[in-house]
């Protein structure tokens, strides 16, 4: 067997993932994100439809317009959380596992803080209105709760990757698809929050 054939069929060559086009996982995540984006678009479209059907006063009588301080703090926590995961992904492409661990840990901490702030907001809102109070209450809790569920799913992905990196899991310059796919999902979660911030919190004041 020649040296070239031996190199092409050896263990190292067969176990190395060469970056040829987009992976199946990448396409799967993109299709999943498109599907979820469609669901959010339907929910936000329903919000505006019911708002304009209801009349000039929105939220309905008995419910104060949403305050902006806490949602803006939540925004300041969630949106920058995309930066550490980008940094982590670029680091693992270079084989820098410490960057992967640090970036994922920072993103996880920021995402968990967002959920804690959302839980605190719910504790306040539930004293004023619930899911069954009226159409506004249903839309508020369904839209924000659905997004919160997506944040929780994203945190599960990030936490699993972080745990794998701490255990010495298989990562490296040619095996970073898992990190890239989780990053795509996390960026999607952040962008959806921007749409929710405008719809739920800012549009009633316009």
Foldseek 3Di string as FASTA:
>chain_A
DDPVVCVCPDPVNVPFFDPDDDDPLQVVLVVVLVVVVVVLVVLLVVLVVVVVVVDDDPPDPQDDADDDPLLVVLLVLQQCLLVLLVQLLVCQLAPNLVSVLVSLVSSLVSLVVSLVSVVVVCVVVVVRPACPRDPLRVSVCVNVVVLNVLSVVLSVLSVVSNVCSVVVHDTHSRRRVSSVSSSVSSNSSSVSSVVVCCRRRNVSVD
